[in-house]
Structures are given as structure tokens and as C-alpha cells.
N, C-alpha and C. Protein backbone atom coordinates (compact mmCIF):
# COMPACT_ATOMS: atom_id res chain seq x y z
N UNK A 1 -85.35 97.24 58.76
CA UNK A 1 -85.09 98.34 59.69
C UNK A 1 -84.29 99.48 59.01
N UNK A 2 -83.40 99.10 58.07
CA UNK A 2 -82.63 100.11 57.37
C UNK A 2 -83.52 101.01 56.55
N UNK A 3 -84.51 100.52 55.79
CA UNK A 3 -85.39 101.42 55.06
C UNK A 3 -86.11 102.44 55.96
N UNK A 4 -86.51 102.03 57.16
CA UNK A 4 -87.13 102.95 58.08
C UNK A 4 -86.18 104.07 58.46
N UNK A 5 -84.94 103.74 58.87
CA UNK A 5 -84.00 104.76 59.28
C UNK A 5 -83.62 105.69 58.11
N UNK A 6 -83.43 105.12 56.93
CA UNK A 6 -83.06 105.93 55.77
C UNK A 6 -84.19 106.93 55.46
N UNK A 7 -85.40 106.42 55.39
CA UNK A 7 -86.56 107.27 55.08
C UNK A 7 -86.76 108.35 56.16
N UNK A 8 -86.67 107.96 57.40
CA UNK A 8 -86.87 108.91 58.49
C UNK A 8 -85.78 109.99 58.46
N UNK A 9 -84.55 109.60 58.20
CA UNK A 9 -83.43 110.56 58.19
C UNK A 9 -83.57 111.53 57.01
N UNK A 10 -83.92 111.02 55.84
CA UNK A 10 -84.08 111.87 54.67
C UNK A 10 -85.25 112.85 54.90
N UNK A 11 -86.37 112.36 55.46
CA UNK A 11 -87.50 113.23 55.75
C UNK A 11 -87.13 114.31 56.76
N UNK A 12 -86.37 113.94 57.78
CA UNK A 12 -85.89 114.89 58.78
C UNK A 12 -85.01 115.96 58.14
N UNK A 13 -84.05 115.54 57.31
CA UNK A 13 -83.17 116.51 56.64
C UNK A 13 -83.98 117.41 55.72
N UNK A 14 -84.93 116.85 54.98
CA UNK A 14 -85.75 117.65 54.08
C UNK A 14 -86.56 118.68 54.85
N UNK A 15 -87.11 118.29 56.00
CA UNK A 15 -87.84 119.24 56.86
C UNK A 15 -86.92 120.35 57.33
N UNK A 16 -85.70 120.00 57.74
CA UNK A 16 -84.79 121.00 58.24
C UNK A 16 -84.39 122.01 57.12
N UNK A 17 -84.27 121.52 55.91
CA UNK A 17 -83.96 122.41 54.79
C UNK A 17 -85.14 123.38 54.57
N UNK A 18 -86.34 122.89 54.70
CA UNK A 18 -87.52 123.76 54.48
C UNK A 18 -87.67 124.85 55.51
N UNK A 19 -87.25 124.62 56.75
CA UNK A 19 -87.43 125.58 57.81
C UNK A 19 -86.11 126.23 58.27
N UNK A 20 -85.10 126.20 57.46
CA UNK A 20 -83.79 126.72 57.85
C UNK A 20 -83.86 128.24 58.10
N UNK A 21 -83.09 128.67 59.10
CA UNK A 21 -82.95 130.10 59.37
C UNK A 21 -84.04 130.73 60.23
N UNK A 22 -84.83 129.91 60.88
CA UNK A 22 -85.93 130.50 61.65
C UNK A 22 -85.78 130.24 63.19
N UNK A 23 -84.62 129.87 63.62
CA UNK A 23 -84.49 129.53 65.03
C UNK A 23 -83.21 129.99 65.65
N UNK A 24 -82.96 129.53 66.89
CA UNK A 24 -81.80 129.96 67.63
C UNK A 24 -80.74 128.89 67.81
N UNK A 25 -81.08 127.61 67.70
CA UNK A 25 -80.09 126.52 67.80
C UNK A 25 -79.56 126.29 66.40
N UNK A 26 -78.34 126.71 66.16
CA UNK A 26 -77.77 126.77 64.82
C UNK A 26 -78.70 127.58 63.93
N UNK A 27 -79.48 126.95 63.09
CA UNK A 27 -80.42 127.70 62.22
C UNK A 27 -81.87 127.38 62.56
N UNK A 28 -82.13 126.53 63.57
CA UNK A 28 -83.47 126.10 63.88
C UNK A 28 -83.79 126.28 65.37
N UNK A 29 -85.06 126.36 65.69
CA UNK A 29 -85.45 126.39 67.09
C UNK A 29 -85.61 124.96 67.59
N UNK A 30 -85.65 124.78 68.90
CA UNK A 30 -85.77 123.43 69.44
C UNK A 30 -87.11 122.82 69.09
N UNK A 31 -88.17 123.67 68.97
CA UNK A 31 -89.51 123.18 68.60
C UNK A 31 -89.47 122.61 67.17
N UNK A 32 -88.75 123.32 66.27
CA UNK A 32 -88.66 122.87 64.89
C UNK A 32 -87.88 121.57 64.77
N UNK A 33 -86.81 121.42 65.53
CA UNK A 33 -86.04 120.20 65.53
C UNK A 33 -86.89 119.04 66.07
N UNK A 34 -87.65 119.30 67.12
CA UNK A 34 -88.55 118.28 67.67
C UNK A 34 -89.61 117.89 66.66
N UNK A 35 -90.21 118.90 66.00
CA UNK A 35 -91.22 118.60 64.97
C UNK A 35 -90.61 117.85 63.82
N UNK A 36 -89.36 118.18 63.44
CA UNK A 36 -88.68 117.46 62.39
C UNK A 36 -88.46 116.00 62.73
N UNK A 37 -88.08 115.73 63.95
CA UNK A 37 -87.87 114.35 64.39
C UNK A 37 -89.19 113.57 64.36
N UNK A 38 -90.26 114.18 64.85
CA UNK A 38 -91.57 113.51 64.82
C UNK A 38 -92.02 113.26 63.40
N UNK A 39 -91.92 114.28 62.54
CA UNK A 39 -92.30 114.11 61.13
C UNK A 39 -91.45 113.07 60.44
N UNK A 40 -90.15 113.07 60.75
CA UNK A 40 -89.26 112.06 60.17
C UNK A 40 -89.64 110.65 60.58
N UNK A 41 -89.96 110.47 61.87
CA UNK A 41 -90.32 109.12 62.36
C UNK A 41 -91.66 108.65 61.75
N UNK A 42 -92.63 109.57 61.67
CA UNK A 42 -93.91 109.18 61.10
C UNK A 42 -93.72 108.87 59.60
N UNK A 43 -92.96 109.68 58.91
CA UNK A 43 -92.70 109.42 57.48
C UNK A 43 -91.96 108.13 57.31
N UNK A 44 -91.01 107.83 58.20
CA UNK A 44 -90.26 106.59 58.12
C UNK A 44 -91.16 105.36 58.31
N UNK A 45 -92.15 105.49 59.19
CA UNK A 45 -93.06 104.37 59.41
C UNK A 45 -93.99 104.17 58.21
N UNK A 46 -94.52 105.29 57.69
CA UNK A 46 -95.51 105.20 56.61
C UNK A 46 -94.92 104.95 55.23
N UNK A 47 -93.73 105.45 54.99
CA UNK A 47 -93.21 105.47 53.61
C UNK A 47 -91.95 104.61 53.39
N UNK A 48 -91.54 103.84 54.37
CA UNK A 48 -90.29 103.10 54.21
C UNK A 48 -90.30 102.12 53.05
N UNK A 49 -91.44 101.52 52.73
CA UNK A 49 -91.51 100.58 51.65
C UNK A 49 -91.62 101.26 50.27
N UNK A 50 -92.02 102.52 50.29
CA UNK A 50 -92.14 103.29 49.04
C UNK A 50 -90.80 103.93 48.71
N UNK A 51 -90.17 104.54 49.71
CA UNK A 51 -88.93 105.28 49.49
C UNK A 51 -87.74 104.35 49.22
N UNK A 52 -87.70 103.23 49.90
CA UNK A 52 -86.60 102.26 49.74
C UNK A 52 -87.18 100.96 49.20
N UNK A 53 -87.49 100.94 47.92
CA UNK A 53 -88.12 99.74 47.34
C UNK A 53 -87.17 98.57 47.28
N UNK A 54 -85.93 98.81 47.02
CA UNK A 54 -84.96 97.69 46.91
C UNK A 54 -83.95 97.83 48.03
N UNK A 55 -83.08 96.85 48.12
CA UNK A 55 -82.01 96.90 49.12
C UNK A 55 -80.77 97.60 48.58
N UNK A 56 -80.94 98.35 47.52
CA UNK A 56 -79.80 99.02 46.88
C UNK A 56 -79.74 100.44 47.42
N UNK A 57 -78.73 100.72 48.26
CA UNK A 57 -78.58 102.02 48.90
C UNK A 57 -77.38 102.79 48.34
N UNK A 58 -77.05 102.51 47.08
CA UNK A 58 -75.87 103.17 46.53
C UNK A 58 -76.04 104.67 46.36
N UNK A 59 -77.28 105.18 46.27
CA UNK A 59 -77.48 106.60 46.12
C UNK A 59 -77.29 107.35 47.46
N UNK A 60 -77.09 106.62 48.54
CA UNK A 60 -76.77 107.27 49.81
C UNK A 60 -75.29 107.55 49.97
N UNK A 61 -74.51 107.14 49.00
CA UNK A 61 -73.08 107.40 49.01
C UNK A 61 -72.86 108.92 48.87
N UNK A 62 -72.13 109.55 49.80
CA UNK A 62 -71.91 110.99 49.71
C UNK A 62 -71.23 111.45 48.43
N UNK A 63 -70.39 110.61 47.87
CA UNK A 63 -69.73 111.00 46.61
C UNK A 63 -70.78 111.13 45.49
N UNK A 64 -71.74 110.23 45.43
CA UNK A 64 -72.77 110.30 44.40
C UNK A 64 -73.69 111.52 44.67
N UNK A 65 -73.96 111.84 45.90
CA UNK A 65 -74.77 113.01 46.19
C UNK A 65 -74.07 114.29 45.78
N UNK A 66 -72.77 114.35 45.97
CA UNK A 66 -72.01 115.53 45.51
C UNK A 66 -71.97 115.58 43.99
N UNK A 67 -71.86 114.44 43.35
CA UNK A 67 -71.89 114.39 41.90
C UNK A 67 -73.24 114.89 41.35
N UNK A 68 -74.34 114.58 42.04
CA UNK A 68 -75.63 115.10 41.62
C UNK A 68 -75.63 116.62 41.67
N UNK A 69 -75.09 117.16 42.72
CA UNK A 69 -75.06 118.65 42.83
C UNK A 69 -74.22 119.24 41.74
N UNK A 70 -73.05 118.66 41.45
CA UNK A 70 -72.23 119.16 40.35
C UNK A 70 -72.93 119.00 39.00
N UNK A 71 -73.61 117.91 38.82
CA UNK A 71 -74.37 117.68 37.56
C UNK A 71 -75.43 118.74 37.35
N UNK A 72 -76.20 119.00 38.42
CA UNK A 72 -77.28 119.96 38.31
C UNK A 72 -76.80 121.40 38.12
N UNK A 73 -75.68 121.72 38.80
CA UNK A 73 -75.15 123.09 38.71
C UNK A 73 -74.21 123.29 37.51
N UNK A 74 -73.78 122.21 36.91
CA UNK A 74 -72.84 122.31 35.80
C UNK A 74 -73.45 121.96 34.46
N UNK A 75 -73.28 120.73 34.03
CA UNK A 75 -73.73 120.36 32.67
C UNK A 75 -75.20 120.54 32.45
N UNK A 76 -76.05 120.18 33.43
CA UNK A 76 -77.47 120.32 33.23
C UNK A 76 -77.88 121.77 33.12
N UNK A 77 -77.28 122.64 33.94
CA UNK A 77 -77.60 124.08 33.87
C UNK A 77 -77.17 124.68 32.53
N UNK A 78 -76.04 124.23 32.00
CA UNK A 78 -75.57 124.71 30.71
C UNK A 78 -76.57 124.27 29.61
N UNK A 79 -76.97 123.02 29.60
CA UNK A 79 -77.91 122.57 28.61
C UNK A 79 -79.27 123.23 28.76
N UNK A 80 -79.67 123.45 29.98
CA UNK A 80 -80.94 124.13 30.24
C UNK A 80 -80.93 125.55 29.71
N UNK A 81 -79.86 126.28 29.93
CA UNK A 81 -79.73 127.63 29.44
C UNK A 81 -79.72 127.67 27.92
N UNK A 82 -78.92 126.77 27.32
CA UNK A 82 -78.88 126.72 25.87
C UNK A 82 -80.25 126.40 25.28
N UNK A 83 -80.98 125.50 25.89
CA UNK A 83 -82.31 125.12 25.41
C UNK A 83 -83.28 126.29 25.54
N UNK A 84 -83.17 127.06 26.59
CA UNK A 84 -84.05 128.23 26.74
C UNK A 84 -83.81 129.22 25.62
N UNK A 85 -82.55 129.51 25.30
CA UNK A 85 -82.23 130.43 24.21
C UNK A 85 -82.71 129.85 22.86
N UNK A 86 -82.56 128.56 22.68
CA UNK A 86 -83.00 127.94 21.44
C UNK A 86 -84.50 128.00 21.27
N UNK A 87 -85.25 127.73 22.32
CA UNK A 87 -86.71 127.81 22.24
C UNK A 87 -87.14 129.24 22.01
N UNK A 88 -86.53 130.21 22.68
CA UNK A 88 -86.88 131.62 22.46
C UNK A 88 -86.62 132.00 21.00
N UNK A 89 -85.48 131.56 20.45
CA UNK A 89 -85.17 131.85 19.05
C UNK A 89 -86.22 131.23 18.11
N UNK A 90 -86.61 130.00 18.38
CA UNK A 90 -87.56 129.34 17.52
C UNK A 90 -88.96 129.95 17.61
N UNK A 91 -89.34 130.43 18.79
CA UNK A 91 -90.61 131.08 18.95
C UNK A 91 -90.61 132.42 18.21
N UNK A 92 -89.55 133.18 18.31
CA UNK A 92 -89.46 134.49 17.66
C UNK A 92 -89.43 134.35 16.13
N UNK A 93 -88.63 133.42 15.67
CA UNK A 93 -88.47 133.26 14.20
C UNK A 93 -89.52 132.38 13.56
N UNK A 94 -90.19 131.55 14.34
CA UNK A 94 -91.17 130.62 13.79
C UNK A 94 -90.57 129.41 13.13
N UNK A 95 -89.29 129.17 13.32
CA UNK A 95 -88.63 127.99 12.72
C UNK A 95 -88.78 126.79 13.62
N UNK A 96 -89.94 126.21 13.53
CA UNK A 96 -90.28 125.06 14.37
C UNK A 96 -90.64 123.92 13.44
N UNK A 97 -89.97 122.80 13.68
CA UNK A 97 -90.25 121.56 12.92
C UNK A 97 -90.27 120.42 13.91
N UNK A 98 -91.42 120.24 14.59
CA UNK A 98 -91.45 119.25 15.69
C UNK A 98 -91.42 117.81 15.15
N UNK A 99 -91.00 116.94 16.02
CA UNK A 99 -90.97 115.53 15.68
C UNK A 99 -90.61 114.68 16.87
N UNK A 100 -90.67 113.37 16.71
CA UNK A 100 -90.31 112.43 17.76
C UNK A 100 -89.11 111.65 17.31
N UNK A 101 -88.11 111.58 18.19
CA UNK A 101 -86.91 110.81 17.90
C UNK A 101 -86.77 109.68 18.88
N UNK A 102 -86.05 108.67 18.48
CA UNK A 102 -85.76 107.55 19.38
C UNK A 102 -84.31 107.72 19.81
N UNK A 103 -84.12 107.74 21.14
CA UNK A 103 -82.82 107.97 21.72
C UNK A 103 -82.30 106.71 22.34
N UNK A 104 -81.18 106.22 21.84
CA UNK A 104 -80.54 105.05 22.45
C UNK A 104 -79.71 105.52 23.64
N UNK A 105 -80.23 105.28 24.81
CA UNK A 105 -79.62 105.85 26.01
C UNK A 105 -78.45 105.02 26.50
N UNK A 106 -78.55 103.69 26.39
CA UNK A 106 -77.50 102.84 26.93
C UNK A 106 -77.56 102.68 28.43
N UNK A 107 -78.60 103.22 29.08
CA UNK A 107 -78.73 103.10 30.53
C UNK A 107 -79.28 101.73 30.89
N UNK A 108 -78.86 101.22 32.03
CA UNK A 108 -79.29 99.92 32.44
C UNK A 108 -80.23 99.96 33.66
N UNK A 109 -79.99 100.84 34.59
CA UNK A 109 -80.80 100.89 35.81
C UNK A 109 -82.03 101.79 35.64
N UNK A 110 -83.11 101.44 36.33
CA UNK A 110 -84.31 102.29 36.25
C UNK A 110 -84.08 103.70 36.76
N UNK A 111 -83.21 103.86 37.76
CA UNK A 111 -82.91 105.19 38.29
C UNK A 111 -82.21 106.06 37.22
N UNK A 112 -81.28 105.46 36.51
CA UNK A 112 -80.58 106.20 35.43
C UNK A 112 -81.54 106.59 34.34
N UNK A 113 -82.43 105.67 33.95
CA UNK A 113 -83.42 105.99 32.91
C UNK A 113 -84.35 107.12 33.39
N UNK A 114 -84.74 107.05 34.63
CA UNK A 114 -85.62 108.11 35.19
C UNK A 114 -84.91 109.44 35.23
N UNK A 115 -83.63 109.48 35.65
CA UNK A 115 -82.89 110.72 35.68
C UNK A 115 -82.74 111.30 34.26
N UNK A 116 -82.42 110.45 33.30
CA UNK A 116 -82.27 110.92 31.92
C UNK A 116 -83.60 111.47 31.39
N UNK A 117 -84.68 110.73 31.62
CA UNK A 117 -85.99 111.15 31.12
C UNK A 117 -86.40 112.46 31.77
N UNK A 118 -86.15 112.64 33.06
CA UNK A 118 -86.49 113.89 33.73
C UNK A 118 -85.62 115.05 33.25
N UNK A 119 -84.36 114.77 33.03
CA UNK A 119 -83.47 115.82 32.51
C UNK A 119 -83.93 116.28 31.13
N UNK A 120 -84.37 115.35 30.33
CA UNK A 120 -84.86 115.71 28.99
C UNK A 120 -86.14 116.49 29.10
N UNK A 121 -87.08 116.05 29.93
CA UNK A 121 -88.35 116.69 30.07
C UNK A 121 -88.24 118.07 30.67
N UNK A 122 -87.30 118.25 31.59
CA UNK A 122 -87.13 119.58 32.20
C UNK A 122 -86.47 120.59 31.27
N UNK A 123 -85.83 120.10 30.21
CA UNK A 123 -85.20 120.98 29.26
C UNK A 123 -86.26 121.51 28.30
N UNK A 124 -86.38 122.85 28.14
CA UNK A 124 -87.40 123.40 27.23
C UNK A 124 -87.21 122.88 25.81
N UNK A 125 -88.33 122.62 25.17
CA UNK A 125 -88.30 122.18 23.78
C UNK A 125 -88.25 120.67 23.62
N UNK A 126 -88.13 119.92 24.73
CA UNK A 126 -88.07 118.46 24.63
C UNK A 126 -89.04 117.87 25.66
N UNK A 127 -89.52 116.67 25.38
CA UNK A 127 -90.41 115.97 26.26
C UNK A 127 -90.23 114.47 26.08
N UNK A 128 -89.95 113.78 27.18
CA UNK A 128 -89.86 112.32 27.13
C UNK A 128 -91.28 111.77 26.99
N UNK A 129 -91.51 110.99 25.91
CA UNK A 129 -92.83 110.51 25.63
C UNK A 129 -93.04 109.07 26.03
N UNK A 130 -92.04 108.23 25.75
CA UNK A 130 -92.18 106.79 26.01
C UNK A 130 -90.82 106.16 26.24
N UNK A 131 -90.84 104.97 26.84
CA UNK A 131 -89.62 104.21 27.05
C UNK A 131 -89.84 102.82 26.51
N UNK A 132 -88.88 102.33 25.74
CA UNK A 132 -88.91 100.95 25.27
C UNK A 132 -88.24 100.12 26.36
N UNK A 133 -89.02 99.30 27.04
CA UNK A 133 -88.51 98.53 28.16
C UNK A 133 -87.43 97.51 27.80
N UNK A 134 -87.50 96.97 26.59
CA UNK A 134 -86.56 95.93 26.19
C UNK A 134 -85.20 96.50 25.85
N UNK A 135 -85.18 97.59 25.06
CA UNK A 135 -83.91 98.16 24.59
C UNK A 135 -83.45 99.34 25.41
N UNK A 136 -84.27 99.82 26.36
CA UNK A 136 -83.98 101.02 27.16
C UNK A 136 -83.81 102.24 26.31
N UNK A 137 -84.59 102.35 25.25
CA UNK A 137 -84.56 103.54 24.39
C UNK A 137 -85.69 104.50 24.84
N UNK A 138 -85.40 105.78 24.71
CA UNK A 138 -86.39 106.80 25.01
C UNK A 138 -86.94 107.38 23.72
N UNK A 139 -88.22 107.66 23.69
CA UNK A 139 -88.84 108.38 22.61
C UNK A 139 -89.06 109.82 23.10
N UNK A 140 -88.48 110.78 22.36
CA UNK A 140 -88.48 112.17 22.79
C UNK A 140 -89.14 113.04 21.75
N UNK A 141 -90.06 113.89 22.17
CA UNK A 141 -90.66 114.89 21.28
C UNK A 141 -89.77 116.13 21.39
N UNK A 142 -89.30 116.56 20.20
CA UNK A 142 -88.43 117.74 20.16
C UNK A 142 -89.15 118.84 19.40
N UNK A 143 -88.78 120.10 19.71
CA UNK A 143 -89.44 121.23 19.04
C UNK A 143 -88.92 121.43 17.63
N UNK A 144 -87.68 120.99 17.35
CA UNK A 144 -87.14 121.16 16.03
C UNK A 144 -86.22 120.00 15.68
N UNK A 145 -86.55 119.35 14.56
CA UNK A 145 -85.69 118.30 14.01
C UNK A 145 -84.84 118.90 12.90
N UNK A 146 -83.57 118.59 12.91
CA UNK A 146 -82.69 119.05 11.84
C UNK A 146 -83.04 118.29 10.56
N UNK A 147 -82.63 118.83 9.42
CA UNK A 147 -82.89 118.18 8.14
C UNK A 147 -82.25 116.81 8.12
N UNK A 148 -82.99 115.80 7.65
CA UNK A 148 -82.44 114.49 7.49
C UNK A 148 -82.45 113.60 8.71
N UNK A 149 -82.92 114.16 9.85
CA UNK A 149 -82.91 113.37 11.07
C UNK A 149 -83.93 112.25 11.02
N UNK A 150 -85.09 112.50 10.38
CA UNK A 150 -86.12 111.47 10.36
C UNK A 150 -85.69 110.24 9.57
N UNK A 151 -84.63 110.37 8.76
CA UNK A 151 -84.17 109.22 8.02
C UNK A 151 -83.42 108.22 8.89
N UNK A 152 -82.92 108.70 10.02
CA UNK A 152 -82.22 107.81 10.96
C UNK A 152 -83.24 107.07 11.82
N UNK A 153 -82.97 105.82 12.09
CA UNK A 153 -83.88 105.06 12.95
C UNK A 153 -83.79 105.55 14.41
N UNK A 154 -82.56 105.80 14.87
CA UNK A 154 -82.40 106.21 16.26
C UNK A 154 -81.16 107.06 16.36
N UNK A 155 -81.16 107.92 17.33
CA UNK A 155 -80.02 108.78 17.60
C UNK A 155 -79.30 108.33 18.84
N UNK A 156 -78.02 108.48 18.86
CA UNK A 156 -77.27 108.21 20.05
C UNK A 156 -77.49 109.36 21.02
N UNK A 157 -77.30 109.10 22.29
CA UNK A 157 -77.49 110.16 23.32
C UNK A 157 -76.58 111.34 23.11
N UNK A 158 -75.34 111.11 22.64
CA UNK A 158 -74.39 112.20 22.44
C UNK A 158 -74.83 113.12 21.31
N UNK A 159 -75.67 112.64 20.40
CA UNK A 159 -76.13 113.49 19.31
C UNK A 159 -77.27 114.45 19.73
N UNK A 160 -77.95 114.11 20.81
CA UNK A 160 -79.05 114.93 21.29
C UNK A 160 -78.53 116.07 22.19
N UNK A 161 -77.61 115.75 23.09
CA UNK A 161 -77.06 116.76 23.96
C UNK A 161 -75.76 117.23 23.32
N UNK A 162 -75.75 118.52 22.93
CA UNK A 162 -74.66 119.01 22.11
C UNK A 162 -73.38 119.32 22.85
N UNK A 163 -73.44 119.97 23.98
CA UNK A 163 -72.22 120.46 24.59
C UNK A 163 -71.66 119.54 25.67
N UNK A 164 -72.43 119.21 26.67
CA UNK A 164 -72.00 118.36 27.75
C UNK A 164 -72.54 116.96 27.51
N UNK A 165 -71.84 115.96 27.98
CA UNK A 165 -72.30 114.58 27.83
C UNK A 165 -73.19 114.24 29.01
N UNK A 166 -74.45 114.62 28.93
CA UNK A 166 -75.41 114.42 30.03
C UNK A 166 -75.55 112.92 30.36
N UNK A 167 -75.75 112.04 29.40
CA UNK A 167 -75.89 110.61 29.76
C UNK A 167 -74.64 110.05 30.48
N UNK A 168 -73.50 110.55 30.12
CA UNK A 168 -72.27 110.08 30.79
C UNK A 168 -72.30 110.48 32.28
N UNK A 169 -72.77 111.68 32.57
CA UNK A 169 -72.86 112.13 33.95
C UNK A 169 -73.90 111.28 34.69
N UNK A 170 -75.03 111.05 34.07
CA UNK A 170 -76.11 110.26 34.73
C UNK A 170 -75.63 108.83 34.96
N UNK A 171 -74.94 108.27 34.02
CA UNK A 171 -74.40 106.91 34.16
C UNK A 171 -73.43 106.87 35.34
N UNK A 172 -72.59 107.89 35.49
CA UNK A 172 -71.62 107.95 36.54
C UNK A 172 -72.32 108.07 37.91
N UNK A 173 -73.42 108.77 37.97
CA UNK A 173 -74.13 108.98 39.22
C UNK A 173 -75.00 107.76 39.58
N UNK A 174 -75.77 107.25 38.65
CA UNK A 174 -76.84 106.31 38.99
C UNK A 174 -76.51 104.85 38.72
N UNK A 175 -75.47 104.56 37.95
CA UNK A 175 -75.23 103.13 37.65
C UNK A 175 -73.97 102.66 38.32
């Protein structure tokens, strides 16, 4: 029953965010709130087993949700901006030396691995290619490898993200 309510509530909130500012009751009309409730209930019935696969509801903790917002608006935005400038520089100058590196993430949970892989893939110039299921290592295609990097078997996560400790933030949020 909990997965149904969680899924329905999240779908309802997502719907309200999509239609915000178009009504008279707070920011929504009564028809939109009614439609949101119906859509939330139908989504809860159809997707409860997909959205809540396990009985682990730690991501519903408001503190973790606030940490996600701070992560996205802080360290991730800084790394994203730096990567955009780096890719623009490499495209203009032609100094591109692509390669694949192995990143020892140290993440334990699948959610943390997914967040790290998506953060890497969303950053320009990098792409998460594969995951080693046994060691929880990520294989990342990068637009430029520094000299001597290919001699190392694997890089630590702190060596890939230069300014902010992205894996530390993800570990704090998802594990």
C-alpha cells in the first residue's frame, strides 16, 4: 500500500509543478487539482511496482531531497560550467585526445552508481560507457586524457572531478 501512496503523491506533485501558475486556488484551478488527483491515482495504480521497486524509502527523507537541490545548484553546476568551457576550448584549439578511463567510484548502492553515472554523462566531454558490477567501477569516455593517464590502471573519483567532490555529495545523498 505504501508504494501506491508514494507513487501517487509524487505523480500528483509532478503534475502540479507542470501546471503551476494557471489557476485561482493558490497557483492552480480546481479542475487542475482534480485532474492531478486522478492522474496521481491512476499512476499510483499502474506504476507502483516500477517506481518503488524495493522497500527502501530513504530518498523520501526531506533532508536528502534538499541535499539533491543543493548538489544540483552547487557542485554539479560548477563542474558543468567548467566542463562547458573546457570542451569549448578543446573544440577551438583542436587539443583533443580521447580515451576511456576506469573510475573507482566506491559507491555501494545502485542509486548512487546511477546518480554518479548520470552526473558524468550530463557533463560535456564525458560519457559513462560501462559499469563493472563486481567492483562498482565506471568506465568513462573522456574528450581529453592528460599525459601519462593511460599508464594508470584506474583513477580515483577525486582525480576526475577537479574542484568539488561530486562522489562525496552523491554518497551523502544516496547511501
